[in-house]
PDB file of N, CA and C in Angstrom:
ATOM      1  N   MET A   1     -18.611 -32.668  57.448  1.00  0.00           N
ATOM      2  CA  MET A   1     -19.180 -32.108  56.414  1.00  0.00           C
ATOM      3  C   MET A   1     -20.462 -32.205  56.567  1.00  0.00           C
ATOM      4  N   LYS A   2     -22.453 -31.623  56.482  1.00  0.00           N
ATOM      5  CA  LYS A   2     -22.698 -32.322  56.222  1.00  0.00           C
ATOM      6  C   LYS A   2     -23.405 -31.694  54.554  1.00  0.00           C
ATOM      7  N   LEU A   3     -23.024 -32.405  53.847  1.00  0.00           N
ATOM      8  CA  LEU A   3     -23.473 -31.991  52.295  1.00  0.00           C
ATOM      9  C   LEU A   3     -25.063 -32.753  51.235  1.00  0.00           C
ATOM     10  N   LEU A   4     -25.139 -31.736  50.754  1.00  0.00           N
ATOM     11  CA  LEU A   4     -27.014 -32.100  50.525  1.00  0.00           C
ATOM     12  C   LEU A   4     -26.713 -32.458  48.359  1.00  0.00           C
ATOM     13  N   PHE A   5     -26.411 -33.645  47.938  1.00  0.00           N
ATOM     14  CA  PHE A   5     -25.997 -33.366  46.762  1.00  0.00           C
ATOM     15  C   PHE A   5     -27.582 -33.400  45.708  1.00  0.00           C
ATOM     16  N   ASP A   6     -27.365 -32.435  44.497  1.00  0.00           N
ATOM     17  CA  ASP A   6     -28.306 -32.175  43.670  1.00  0.00           C
ATOM     18  C   ASP A   6     -28.775 -33.777  43.649  1.00  0.00           C
ATOM     19  N   GLN A   7     -29.409 -33.040  42.501  1.00  0.00           N
ATOM     20  CA  GLN A   7     -30.595 -34.172  41.639  1.00  0.00           C
ATOM     21  C   GLN A   7     -29.496 -35.153  40.909  1.00  0.00           C
ATOM     22  N   ASN A   8     -28.315 -34.149  40.170  1.00  0.00           N
ATOM     23  CA  ASN A   8     -27.966 -33.775  38.741  1.00  0.00           C
ATOM     24  C   ASN A   8     -26.593 -34.244  39.842  1.00  0.00           C
ATOM     25  N   ILE A   9     -26.006 -34.707  40.629  1.00  0.00           N
ATOM     26  CA  ILE A   9     -25.364 -35.586  41.226  1.00  0.00           C
ATOM     27  C   ILE A   9     -25.768 -37.856  41.471  1.00  0.00           C
ATOM     28  N   SER A  10     -25.058 -38.262  41.255  1.00  0.00           N
ATOM     29  CA  SER A  10     -25.898 -39.691  41.698  1.00  0.00           C
ATOM     30  C   SER A  10     -25.679 -39.407  43.338  1.00  0.00           C
ATOM     31  N   HIS A  11     -26.130 -40.419  43.586  1.00  0.00           N
ATOM     32  CA  HIS A  11     -27.195 -40.804  44.449  1.00  0.00           C
ATOM     33  C   HIS A  11     -25.980 -41.249  45.561  1.00  0.00           C
ATOM     34  N   ARG A  12     -25.673 -42.736  44.587  1.00  0.00           N
ATOM     35  CA  ARG A  12     -24.033 -43.083  45.116  1.00  0.00           C
ATOM     36  C   ARG A  12     -22.918 -42.466  45.419  1.00  0.00           C
ATOM     37  N   ILE A  13     -22.740 -41.437  45.453  1.00  0.00           N
ATOM     38  CA  ILE A  13     -21.718 -40.713  45.422  1.00  0.00           C
ATOM     39  C   ILE A  13     -21.217 -40.454  47.429  1.00  0.00           C
ATOM     40  N   VAL A  14     -22.419 -40.384  48.310  1.00  0.00           N
ATOM     41  CA  VAL A  14     -22.494 -40.850  49.615  1.00  0.00           C
ATOM     42  C   VAL A  14     -21.674 -41.549  49.596  1.00  0.00           C
ATOM     43  N   LYS A  15     -21.397 -42.961  49.636  1.00  0.00           N
ATOM     44  CA  LYS A  15     -21.220 -44.009  49.342  1.00  0.00           C
ATOM     45  C   LYS A  15     -19.221 -44.212  48.972  1.00  0.00           C
ATOM     46  N   LEU A  16     -19.392 -42.788  48.409  1.00  0.00           N
ATOM     47  CA  LEU A  16     -17.530 -42.615  48.442  1.00  0.00           C
ATOM     48  C   LEU A  16     -16.963 -42.049  49.260  1.00  0.00           C
ATOM     49  N   LEU A  17     -17.464 -41.353  49.835  1.00  0.00           N
ATOM     50  CA  LEU A  17     -16.708 -40.125  50.430  1.00  0.00           C
ATOM     51  C   LEU A  17     -16.114 -40.832  51.543  1.00  0.00           C
ATOM     52  N   PRO A  18     -15.687 -39.423  53.099  1.00  0.00           N
ATOM     53  CA  PRO A  18     -14.438 -40.460  54.007  1.00  0.00           C
ATOM     54  C   PRO A  18     -15.456 -39.996  55.134  1.00  0.00           C
ATOM     55  N   ALA A  19     -15.019 -40.266  56.005  1.00  0.00           N
ATOM     56  CA  ALA A  19     -15.510 -39.650  56.953  1.00  0.00           C
ATOM     57  C   ALA A  19     -15.579 -38.424  57.478  1.00  0.00           C
ATOM     58  N   ARG A  20     -15.263 -37.847  57.022  1.00  0.00           N
ATOM     59  CA  ARG A  20     -15.057 -36.141  56.910  1.00  0.00           C
ATOM     60  C   ARG A  20     -15.973 -35.777  56.689  1.00  0.00           C
ATOM     61  N   PHE A  21     -17.057 -36.017  55.698  1.00  0.00           N
ATOM     62  CA  PHE A  21     -18.276 -35.931  54.889  1.00  0.00           C
ATOM     63  C   PHE A  21     -19.019 -36.624  55.024  1.00  0.00           C
ATOM     64  N   GLU A  22     -19.292 -36.618  56.651  1.00  0.00           N
ATOM     65  CA  GLU A  22     -20.082 -37.807  57.588  1.00  0.00           C
ATOM     66  C   GLU A  22     -21.444 -36.852  57.587  1.00  0.00           C
ATOM     67  N   GLY A  23     -22.700 -37.106  57.828  1.00  0.00           N
ATOM     68  CA  GLY A  23     -23.958 -36.621  57.702  1.00  0.00           C
ATOM     69  C   GLY A  23     -24.416 -36.107  56.385  1.00  0.00           C
ATOM     70  N   SER A  24     -23.573 -36.511  55.062  1.00  0.00           N
ATOM     71  CA  SER A  24     -23.667 -36.398  53.926  1.00  0.00           C
ATOM     72  C   SER A  24     -25.054 -36.945  53.078  1.00  0.00           C
ATOM     73  N   ALA A  25     -26.120 -36.207  51.970  1.00  0.00           N
ATOM     74  CA  ALA A  25     -26.825 -37.513  51.804  1.00  0.00           C
ATOM     75  C   ALA A  25     -26.908 -36.374  49.966  1.00  0.00           C
ATOM     76  N   SER A  26     -28.378 -37.281  49.598  1.00  0.00           N
ATOM     77  CA  SER A  26     -28.997 -37.176  48.765  1.00  0.00           C
ATOM     78  C   SER A  26     -30.013 -36.629  48.561  1.00  0.00           C
ATOM     79  N   VAL A  27     -30.642 -35.577  47.787  1.00  0.00           N
ATOM     80  CA  VAL A  27     -31.883 -35.191  47.625  1.00  0.00           C
ATOM     81  C   VAL A  27     -32.395 -36.289  47.598  1.00  0.00           C
ATOM     82  N   LYS A  28     -32.235 -37.616  46.718  1.00  0.00           N
ATOM     83  CA  LYS A  28     -33.713 -39.005  46.630  1.00  0.00           C
ATOM     84  C   LYS A  28     -33.670 -38.950  47.956  1.00  0.00           C
ATOM     85  N   GLN A  29     -32.542 -39.790  49.400  1.00  0.00           N
ATOM     86  CA  GLN A  29     -32.728 -39.451  50.446  1.00  0.00           C
ATOM     87  C   GLN A  29     -34.360 -39.238  51.205  1.00  0.00           C
ATOM     88  N   PHE A  30     -34.334 -38.065  50.347  1.00  0.00           N
ATOM     89  CA  PHE A  30     -35.146 -36.567  51.636  1.00  0.00           C
ATOM     90  C   PHE A  30     -36.764 -37.027  50.377  1.00  0.00           C
ATOM     91  N   HIS A  31     -36.679 -37.977  48.749  1.00  0.00           N
ATOM     92  CA  HIS A  31     -37.847 -37.452  48.110  1.00  0.00           C
ATOM     93  C   HIS A  31     -37.572 -36.349  47.694  1.00  0.00           C
ATOM     94  N   LEU A  32     -36.543 -35.710  47.080  1.00  0.00           N
ATOM     95  CA  LEU A  32     -37.047 -34.045  46.606  1.00  0.00           C
ATOM     96  C   LEU A  32     -36.277 -34.491  45.128  1.00  0.00           C
ATOM     97  N   THR A  33     -35.950 -35.027  44.490  1.00  0.00           N
ATOM     98  CA  THR A  33     -35.444 -35.842  43.393  1.00  0.00           C
ATOM     99  C   THR A  33     -36.295 -34.857  42.770  1.00  0.00           C
ATOM    100  N   ASP A  34     -37.914 -34.451  42.395  1.00  0.00           N
ATOM    101  CA  ASP A  34     -38.455 -33.816  41.324  1.00  0.00           C
ATOM    102  C   ASP A  34     -39.087 -31.952  42.188  1.00  0.00           C
ATOM    103  N   SER A  35     -38.284 -32.426  43.281  1.00  0.00           N
ATOM    104  CA  SER A  35     -38.863 -30.823  44.036  1.00  0.00           C
ATOM    105  C   SER A  35     -38.033 -29.739  43.201  1.00  0.00           C
ATOM    106  N   THR A  36     -38.678 -28.073  43.358  1.00  0.00           N
ATOM    107  CA  THR A  36     -37.662 -27.378  42.694  1.00  0.00           C
ATOM    108  C   THR A  36     -36.924 -26.687  43.650  1.00  0.00           C
ATOM    109  N   ASP A  37     -35.715 -26.455  42.414  1.00  0.00           N
ATOM    110  CA  ASP A  37     -34.494 -26.016  43.186  1.00  0.00           C
ATOM    111  C   ASP A  37     -34.688 -24.502  44.599  1.00  0.00           C
ATOM    112  N   LYS A  38     -35.853 -24.413  44.509  1.00  0.00           N
ATOM    113  CA  LYS A  38     -36.070 -23.294  45.672  1.00  0.00           C
ATOM    114  C   LYS A  38     -36.305 -24.118  46.726  1.00  0.00           C
ATOM    115  N   ALA A  39     -36.900 -24.915  46.491  1.00  0.00           N
ATOM    116  CA  ALA A  39     -37.238 -26.231  47.374  1.00  0.00           C
ATOM    117  C   ALA A  39     -36.365 -27.003  48.196  1.00  0.00           C
ATOM    118  N   ILE A  40     -35.958 -27.404  47.471  1.00  0.00           N
ATOM    119  CA  ILE A  40     -34.557 -28.113  47.839  1.00  0.00           C
ATOM    120  C   ILE A  40     -33.368 -26.929  48.839  1.00  0.00           C
ATOM    121  N   TRP A  41     -33.532 -25.538  48.039  1.00  0.00           N
ATOM    122  CA  TRP A  41     -33.400 -24.824  49.119  1.00  0.00           C
ATOM    123  C   TRP A  41     -33.344 -24.580  50.383  1.00  0.00           C
ATOM    124  N   GLN A  42     -34.793 -24.367  50.513  1.00  0.00           N
ATOM    125  CA  GLN A  42     -35.215 -24.180  52.212  1.00  0.00           C
ATOM    126  C   GLN A  42     -35.087 -25.507  52.500  1.00  0.00           C
ATOM    127  N   PHE A  43     -35.102 -26.581  52.246  1.00  0.00           N
ATOM    128  CA  PHE A  43     -34.518 -28.032  52.885  1.00  0.00           C
ATOM    129  C   PHE A  43     -33.253 -27.550  53.568  1.00  0.00           C
ATOM    130  N   ALA A  44     -32.490 -27.661  52.683  1.00  0.00           N
ATOM    131  CA  ALA A  44     -30.680 -27.396  52.992  1.00  0.00           C
ATOM    132  C   ALA A  44     -30.465 -26.790  53.940  1.00  0.00           C
ATOM    133  N   ARG A  45     -31.694 -25.376  54.257  1.00  0.00           N
ATOM    134  CA  ARG A  45     -31.442 -24.608  54.718  1.00  0.00           C
ATOM    135  C   ARG A  45     -31.609 -24.560  56.187  1.00  0.00           C
ATOM    136  N   SER A  46     -32.636 -25.465  56.218  1.00  0.00           N
ATOM    137  CA  SER A  46     -33.963 -25.903  57.239  1.00  0.00           C
ATOM    138  C   SER A  46     -33.136 -26.785  58.110  1.00  0.00           C
ATOM    139  N   SER A  47     -32.046 -27.666  57.154  1.00  0.00           N
ATOM    140  CA  SER A  47     -31.236 -29.064  57.304  1.00  0.00           C
ATOM    141  C   SER A  47     -29.603 -28.357  58.027  1.00  0.00           C
ATOM    142  N   ASP A  48     -29.393 -28.081  57.952  1.00  0.00           N
ATOM    143  CA  ASP A  48     -27.721 -27.326  58.092  1.00  0.00           C
ATOM    144  C   ASP A  48     -27.026 -27.994  56.940  1.00  0.00           C
ATOM    145  N   PHE A  49     -27.919 -28.074  55.151  1.00  0.00           N
ATOM    146  CA  PHE A  49     -27.225 -29.099  54.752  1.00  0.00           C
ATOM    147  C   PHE A  49     -25.988 -28.007  53.840  1.00  0.00           C
ATOM    148  N   THR A  50     -25.117 -28.117  53.132  1.00  0.00           N
ATOM    149  CA  THR A  50     -24.655 -27.230  51.670  1.00  0.00           C
ATOM    150  C   THR A  50     -25.168 -27.881  51.132  1.00  0.00           C
ATOM    151  N   ILE A  51     -24.924 -27.530  49.977  1.00  0.00           N
ATOM    152  CA  ILE A  51     -25.827 -27.808  48.576  1.00  0.00           C
ATOM    153  C   ILE A  51     -24.457 -27.989  47.932  1.00  0.00           C
ATOM    154  N   VAL A  52     -24.060 -28.841  46.893  1.00  0.00           N
ATOM    155  CA  VAL A  52     -23.269 -29.633  46.063  1.00  0.00           C
ATOM    156  C   VAL A  52     -24.344 -30.071  44.187  1.00  0.00           C
ATOM    157  N   THR A  53     -23.778 -29.564  43.302  1.00  0.00           N
ATOM    158  CA  THR A  53     -24.728 -28.988  43.049  1.00  0.00           C
ATOM    159  C   THR A  53     -23.908 -28.371  41.309  1.00  0.00           C
ATOM    160  N   GLN A  54     -23.802 -29.144  40.182  1.00  0.00           N
ATOM    161  CA  GLN A  54     -23.541 -28.942  38.980  1.00  0.00           C
ATOM    162  C   GLN A  54     -24.197 -27.687  37.822  1.00  0.00           C
ATOM    163  N   ASP A  55     -25.030 -26.379  38.739  1.00  0.00           N
ATOM    164  CA  ASP A  55     -25.475 -26.253  37.928  1.00  0.00           C
ATOM    165  C   ASP A  55     -25.335 -24.632  38.581  1.00  0.00           C
ATOM    166  N   SER A  56     -26.343 -24.184  37.782  1.00  0.00           N
ATOM    167  CA  SER A  56     -25.651 -21.919  38.678  1.00  0.00           C
ATOM    168  C   SER A  56     -27.284 -21.764  39.428  1.00  0.00           C
ATOM    169  N   ASP A  57     -28.287 -22.571  39.285  1.00  0.00           N
ATOM    170  CA  ASP A  57     -29.303 -22.333  40.257  1.00  0.00           C
ATOM    171  C   ASP A  57     -29.072 -22.440  40.930  1.00  0.00           C
ATOM    172  N   PHE A  58     -27.766 -23.226  42.290  1.00  0.00           N
ATOM    173  CA  PHE A  58     -28.458 -22.667  43.068  1.00  0.00           C
ATOM    174  C   PHE A  58     -27.348 -21.143  44.302  1.00  0.00           C
ATOM    175  N   ASN A  59     -26.595 -20.783  43.318  1.00  0.00           N
ATOM    176  CA  ASN A  59     -25.765 -19.701  43.387  1.00  0.00           C
ATOM    177  C   ASN A  59     -26.747 -18.502  42.997  1.00  0.00           C
ATOM    178  N   ASP A  60     -28.139 -18.764  42.249  1.00  0.00           N
ATOM    179  CA  ASP A  60     -28.664 -17.517  42.092  1.00  0.00           C
ATOM    180  C   ASP A  60     -29.450 -17.093  42.943  1.00  0.00           C
ATOM    181  N   LEU A  61     -30.371 -18.068  43.226  1.00  0.00           N
ATOM    182  CA  LEU A  61     -30.492 -17.845  44.905  1.00  0.00           C
ATOM    183  C   LEU A  61     -30.033 -17.713  45.553  1.00  0.00           C
ATOM    184  N   ASN A  62     -29.260 -18.020  46.026  1.00  0.00           N
ATOM    185  CA  ASN A  62     -28.783 -17.613  46.861  1.00  0.00           C
ATOM    186  C   ASN A  62     -28.122 -15.282  47.135  1.00  0.00           C
ATOM    187  N   SER A  63     -27.647 -15.247  45.187  1.00  0.00           N
ATOM    188  CA  SER A  63     -27.360 -13.711  45.187  1.00  0.00           C
ATOM    189  C   SER A  63     -28.983 -13.628  45.804  1.00  0.00           C
ATOM    190  N   LEU A  64     -29.804 -14.334  45.567  1.00  0.00           N
ATOM    191  CA  LEU A  64     -31.345 -13.458  45.722  1.00  0.00           C
ATOM    192  C   LEU A  64     -31.649 -13.517  47.223  1.00  0.00           C
ATOM    193  N   LEU A  65     -31.570 -14.899  47.429  1.00  0.00           N
ATOM    194  CA  LEU A  65     -31.331 -14.946  49.381  1.00  0.00           C
ATOM    195  C   LEU A  65     -30.534 -14.348  50.036  1.00  0.00           C
ATOM    196  N   GLY A  66     -29.104 -15.020  49.804  1.00  0.00           N
ATOM    197  CA  GLY A  66     -28.549 -14.997  50.568  1.00  0.00           C
ATOM    198  C   GLY A  66     -27.924 -16.683  51.086  1.00  0.00           C
ATOM    199  N   PHE A  67     -27.499 -16.416  52.232  1.00  0.00           N
ATOM    200  CA  PHE A  67     -26.928 -18.164  52.619  1.00  0.00           C
ATOM    201  C   PHE A  67     -26.708 -17.572  54.448  1.00  0.00           C
ATOM    202  N   PRO A  68     -27.078 -19.754  54.894  1.00  0.00           N
ATOM    203  CA  PRO A  68     -27.184 -20.657  54.438  1.00  0.00           C
ATOM    204  C   PRO A  68     -28.026 -20.661  53.774  1.00  0.00           C
ATOM    205  N   PRO A  69     -28.304 -22.063  52.792  1.00  0.00           N
ATOM    206  CA  PRO A  69     -26.980 -22.783  52.732  1.00  0.00           C
ATOM    207  C   PRO A  69     -26.492 -21.891  51.911  1.00  0.00           C
ATOM    208  N   LYS A  70     -24.689 -22.989  51.756  1.00  0.00           N
ATOM    209  CA  LYS A  70     -23.984 -22.307  51.371  1.00  0.00           C
ATOM    210  C   LYS A  70     -24.340 -23.040  49.528  1.00  0.00           C
ATOM    211  N   ILE A  71     -23.174 -22.618  49.229  1.00  0.00           N
ATOM    212  CA  ILE A  71     -23.544 -24.044  47.666  1.00  0.00           C
ATOM    213  C   ILE A  71     -22.003 -24.301  47.003  1.00  0.00           C
ATOM    214  N   ILE A  72     -21.958 -25.691  47.152  1.00  0.00           N
ATOM    215  CA  ILE A  72     -20.567 -25.861  46.158  1.00  0.00           C
ATOM    216  C   ILE A  72     -20.920 -26.679  44.511  1.00  0.00           C
ATOM    217  N   TRP A  73     -19.820 -25.320  43.787  1.00  0.00           N
ATOM    218  CA  TRP A  73     -20.691 -25.116  42.569  1.00  0.00           C
ATOM    219  C   TRP A  73     -19.555 -25.518  41.564  1.00  0.00           C
ATOM    220  N   ILE A  74     -19.430 -26.960  41.282  1.00  0.00           N
ATOM    221  CA  ILE A  74     -18.477 -28.449  40.782  1.00  0.00           C
ATOM    222  C   ILE A  74     -18.918 -27.929  38.846  1.00  0.00           C
ATOM    223  N   ARG A  75     -18.156 -27.017  38.591  1.00  0.00           N
ATOM    224  CA  ARG A  75     -17.968 -26.955  36.794  1.00  0.00           C
ATOM    225  C   ARG A  75     -17.512 -27.527  36.384  1.00  0.00           C
ATOM    226  N   THR A  76     -17.701 -28.646  36.195  1.00  0.00           N
ATOM    227  CA  THR A  76     -16.389 -29.646  35.678  1.00  0.00           C
ATOM    228  C   THR A  76     -16.988 -29.973  33.778  1.00  0.00           C
ATOM    229  N   GLY A  77     -18.297 -30.288  34.222  1.00  0.00           N
ATOM    230  CA  GLY A  77     -19.093 -31.259  32.801  1.00  0.00           C
ATOM    231  C   GLY A  77     -19.599 -32.529  33.375  1.00  0.00           C
ATOM    232  N   ASN A  78     -20.054 -33.071  33.254  1.00  0.00           N
ATOM    233  CA  ASN A  78     -20.770 -34.775  33.221  1.00  0.00           C
ATOM    234  C   ASN A  78     -19.035 -35.503  33.591  1.00  0.00           C
ATOM    235  N   LEU A  79     -18.778 -36.002  34.187  1.00  0.00           N
ATOM    236  CA  LEU A  79     -18.291 -36.941  34.871  1.00  0.00           C
ATOM    237  C   LEU A  79     -18.464 -38.295  35.621  1.00  0.00           C
ATOM    238  N   ARG A  80     -17.736 -38.997  35.744  1.00  0.00           N
ATOM    239  CA  ARG A  80     -18.313 -39.794  36.710  1.00  0.00           C
ATOM    240  C   ARG A  80     -17.971 -39.754  38.458  1.00  0.00           C
ATOM    241  N   THR A  81     -19.132 -39.952  38.915  1.00  0.00           N
ATOM    242  CA  THR A  81     -19.628 -40.270  39.757  1.00  0.00           C
ATOM    243  C   THR A  81     -17.946 -40.375  40.935  1.00  0.00           C
ATOM    244  N   GLU A  82     -17.667 -41.192  40.200  1.00  0.00           N
ATOM    245  CA  GLU A  82     -16.081 -41.526  41.605  1.00  0.00           C
ATOM    246  C   GLU A  82     -15.067 -40.473  41.063  1.00  0.00           C
ATOM    247  N   ILE A  83     -15.131 -39.532  39.902  1.00  0.00           N
ATOM    248  CA  ILE A  83     -14.199 -38.687  39.735  1.00  0.00           C
ATOM    249  C   ILE A  83     -14.934 -37.329  40.569  1.00  0.00           C
ATOM    250  N   ILE A  84     -15.531 -37.305  40.670  1.00  0.00           N
ATOM    251  CA  ILE A  84     -16.763 -35.601  41.487  1.00  0.00           C
ATOM    252  C   ILE A  84     -16.065 -36.519  42.774  1.00  0.00           C
ATOM    253  N   ALA A  85     -16.280 -37.725  43.386  1.00  0.00           N
ATOM    254  CA  ALA A  85     -16.073 -37.701  44.630  1.00  0.00           C
ATOM    255  C   ALA A  85     -15.053 -37.526  45.459  1.00  0.00           C
ATOM    256  N   ASN A  86     -14.277 -37.578  43.973  1.00  0.00           N
ATOM    257  CA  ASN A  86     -12.387 -37.460  44.051  1.00  0.00           C
ATOM    258  C   ASN A  86     -11.958 -35.853  44.420  1.00  0.00           C
ATOM    259  N   ILE A  87     -12.549 -34.726  43.459  1.00  0.00           N
ATOM    260  CA  ILE A  87     -11.956 -33.578  42.615  1.00  0.00           C
ATOM    261  C   ILE A  87     -12.940 -33.032  44.727  1.00  0.00           C
ATOM    262  N   LEU A  88     -13.872 -33.454  45.746  1.00  0.00           N
ATOM    263  CA  LEU A  88     -14.609 -33.151  46.805  1.00  0.00           C
ATOM    264  C   LEU A  88     -13.010 -33.758  47.811  1.00  0.00           C
ATOM    265  N   ILE A  89     -12.805 -35.518  47.493  1.00  0.00           N
ATOM    266  CA  ILE A  89     -11.593 -35.184  48.455  1.00  0.00           C
ATOM    267  C   ILE A  89     -10.815 -34.186  48.498  1.00  0.00           C
ATOM    268  N   ASP A  90     -10.161 -33.553  47.195  1.00  0.00           N
ATOM    269  CA  ASP A  90      -8.807 -33.269  46.914  1.00  0.00           C
ATOM    270  C   ASP A  90      -8.828 -31.758  47.012  1.00  0.00           C
ATOM    271  N   HIS A  91     -10.716 -30.838  46.940  1.00  0.00           N
ATOM    272  CA  HIS A  91     -10.034 -29.952  48.158  1.00  0.00           C
ATOM    273  C   HIS A  91     -10.414 -29.780  49.664  1.00  0.00           C
ATOM    274  N   LEU A  92     -10.940 -31.316  50.076  1.00  0.00           N
ATOM    275  CA  LEU A  92     -11.111 -31.244  51.415  1.00  0.00           C
ATOM    276  C   LEU A  92     -10.860 -29.480  52.275  1.00  0.00           C
ATOM    277  N   GLU A  93      -9.588 -29.435  52.441  1.00  0.00           N
ATOM    278  CA  GLU A  93      -8.624 -28.397  53.604  1.00  0.00           C
ATOM    279  C   GLU A  93      -9.731 -27.124  53.344  1.00  0.00           C
ATOM    280  N   GLU A  94      -9.880 -26.818  51.954  1.00  0.00           N
ATOM    281  CA  GLU A  94     -10.006 -25.295  50.510  1.00  0.00           C
ATOM    282  C   GLU A  94     -12.277 -25.888  51.457  1.00  0.00           C
ATOM    283  N   LEU A  95     -12.362 -26.151  51.799  1.00  0.00           N
ATOM    284  CA  LEU A  95     -13.894 -26.567  51.334  1.00  0.00           C
ATOM    285  C   LEU A  95     -14.089 -26.289  53.384  1.00  0.00           C
ATOM    286  N   GLU A  96     -13.089 -27.089  53.823  1.00  0.00           N
ATOM    287  CA  GLU A  96     -13.634 -26.882  55.313  1.00  0.00           C
ATOM    288  C   GLU A  96     -13.246 -25.164  56.115  1.00  0.00           C
ATOM    289  N   LYS A  97     -12.328 -24.562  55.474  1.00  0.00           N
ATOM    290  CA  LYS A  97     -12.173 -22.902  55.243  1.00  0.00           C
ATOM    291  C   LYS A  97     -13.620 -22.048  55.054  1.00  0.00           C
ATOM    292  N   PHE A  98     -13.347 -22.504  53.510  1.00  0.00           N
ATOM    293  CA  PHE A  98     -14.927 -21.823  52.467  1.00  0.00           C
ATOM    294  C   PHE A  98     -16.216 -22.165  53.568  1.00  0.00           C
ATOM    295  N   LEU A  99     -16.380 -23.143  54.542  1.00  0.00           N
ATOM    296  CA  LEU A  99     -17.763 -23.483  55.220  1.00  0.00           C
ATOM    297  C   LEU A  99     -18.003 -22.449  56.878  1.00  0.00           C
ATOM    298  N   GLU A 100     -16.564 -22.324  56.887  1.00  0.00           N
ATOM    299  CA  GLU A 100     -16.263 -22.190  58.173  1.00  0.00           C
ATOM    300  C   GLU A 100     -16.146 -20.202  58.193  1.00  0.00           C
ATOM    301  N   ASP A 101     -16.259 -19.699  57.228  1.00  0.00           N
ATOM    302  CA  ASP A 101     -15.771 -18.609  56.399  1.00  0.00           C
ATOM    303  C   ASP A 101     -17.521 -17.925  56.369  1.00  0.00           C
ATOM    304  N   PRO A 102     -17.509 -17.052  57.570  1.00  0.00           N
ATOM    305  CA  PRO A 102     -19.131 -16.374  57.091  1.00  0.00           C
ATOM    306  C   PRO A 102     -19.270 -15.257  55.945  1.00  0.00           C
ATOM    307  N   ASN A 103     -17.920 -15.261  55.210  1.00  0.00           N
ATOM    308  CA  ASN A 103     -18.604 -14.082  54.089  1.00  0.00           C
ATOM    309  C   ASN A 103     -18.595 -14.519  53.022  1.00  0.00           C
ATOM    310  N   PHE A 104     -18.342 -16.135  52.830  1.00  0.00           N
ATOM    311  CA  PHE A 104     -18.383 -16.605  51.289  1.00  0.00           C
ATOM    312  C   PHE A 104     -19.958 -17.305  51.033  1.00  0.00           C
ATOM    313  N   GLY A 105     -20.854 -17.818  50.319  1.00  0.00           N
ATOM    314  CA  GLY A 105     -21.768 -17.862  49.927  1.00  0.00           C
ATOM    315  C   GLY A 105     -21.811 -19.470  49.297  1.00  0.00           C
ATOM    316  N   CYS A 106     -20.378 -19.647  48.265  1.00  0.00           N
ATOM    317  CA  CYS A 106     -20.170 -20.297  47.531  1.00  0.00           C
ATOM    318  C   CYS A 106     -18.782 -20.299  46.846  1.00  0.00           C
ATOM    319  N   PHE A 107     -18.522 -21.541  46.669  1.00  0.00           N
ATOM    320  CA  PHE A 107     -17.468 -22.311  46.450  1.00  0.00           C
ATOM    321  C   PHE A 107     -17.241 -23.214  44.802  1.00  0.00           C
ATOM    322  N   GLU A 108     -16.333 -22.327  44.361  1.00  0.00           N
ATOM    323  CA  GLU A 108     -17.029 -22.482  43.471  1.00  0.00           C
ATOM    324  C   GLU A 108     -15.056 -23.510  42.354  1.00  0.00           C
ATOM    325  N   ILE A 109     -15.529 -24.686  41.878  1.00  0.00           N
ATOM    326  CA  ILE A 109     -14.476 -26.262  41.927  1.00  0.00           C
ATOM    327  C   ILE A 109     -14.618 -25.859  40.110  1.00  0.00           C
ATOM    328  N   LEU A 110     -13.775 -25.716  39.579  1.00  0.00           N
ATOM    329  CA  LEU A 110     -13.125 -25.845  37.624  1.00  0.00           C
ATOM    330  C   LEU A 110     -12.139 -26.718  37.845  1.00  0.00           C
ATOM    331  N   SER A 111     -12.970 -28.072  36.994  1.00  0.00           N
ATOM    332  CA  SER A 111     -11.421 -28.803  36.887  1.00  0.00           C
ATOM    333  C   SER A 111     -12.220 -29.062  35.526  1.00  0.00           C
ATOM    334  N   LEU A 112     -10.415 -29.401  35.098  1.00  0.00           N
ATOM    335  CA  LEU A 112     -10.749 -30.009  32.951  1.00  0.00           C
ATOM    336  C   LEU A 112     -10.821 -31.439  33.330  1.00  0.00           C
ATOM    337  N   ARG A 113     -10.279 -32.306  33.920  1.00  0.00           N
ATOM    338  CA  ARG A 113      -9.642 -33.542  34.046  1.00  0.00           C
ATOM    339  C   ARG A 113     -10.547 -34.095  32.814  1.00  0.00           C
TER     340      ARG A 113
END
């Protein structure tokens, strides 16, 4: 599962994820930290990433432009990086099904931890 973490999620999350998330990266690794959402969206599309974010902007882009890239929208508010990693791990099977399904472009995770 190749995820691209938006700038609103710490780049340190990549080291906290198990092997099934191999290939995941942060926008920081590609010097995209100050890039527009559309530039990040285009990079994810051309590089076969799924974007992980905590804001609605990428879902809005998918509504306008379609997908790929697919979006994982974590709607939790501010949480420690370790908790966000655990949320992704807890939803791993659902995320794998989502990524295989060509009919859906956004997977929302709402957690009130």
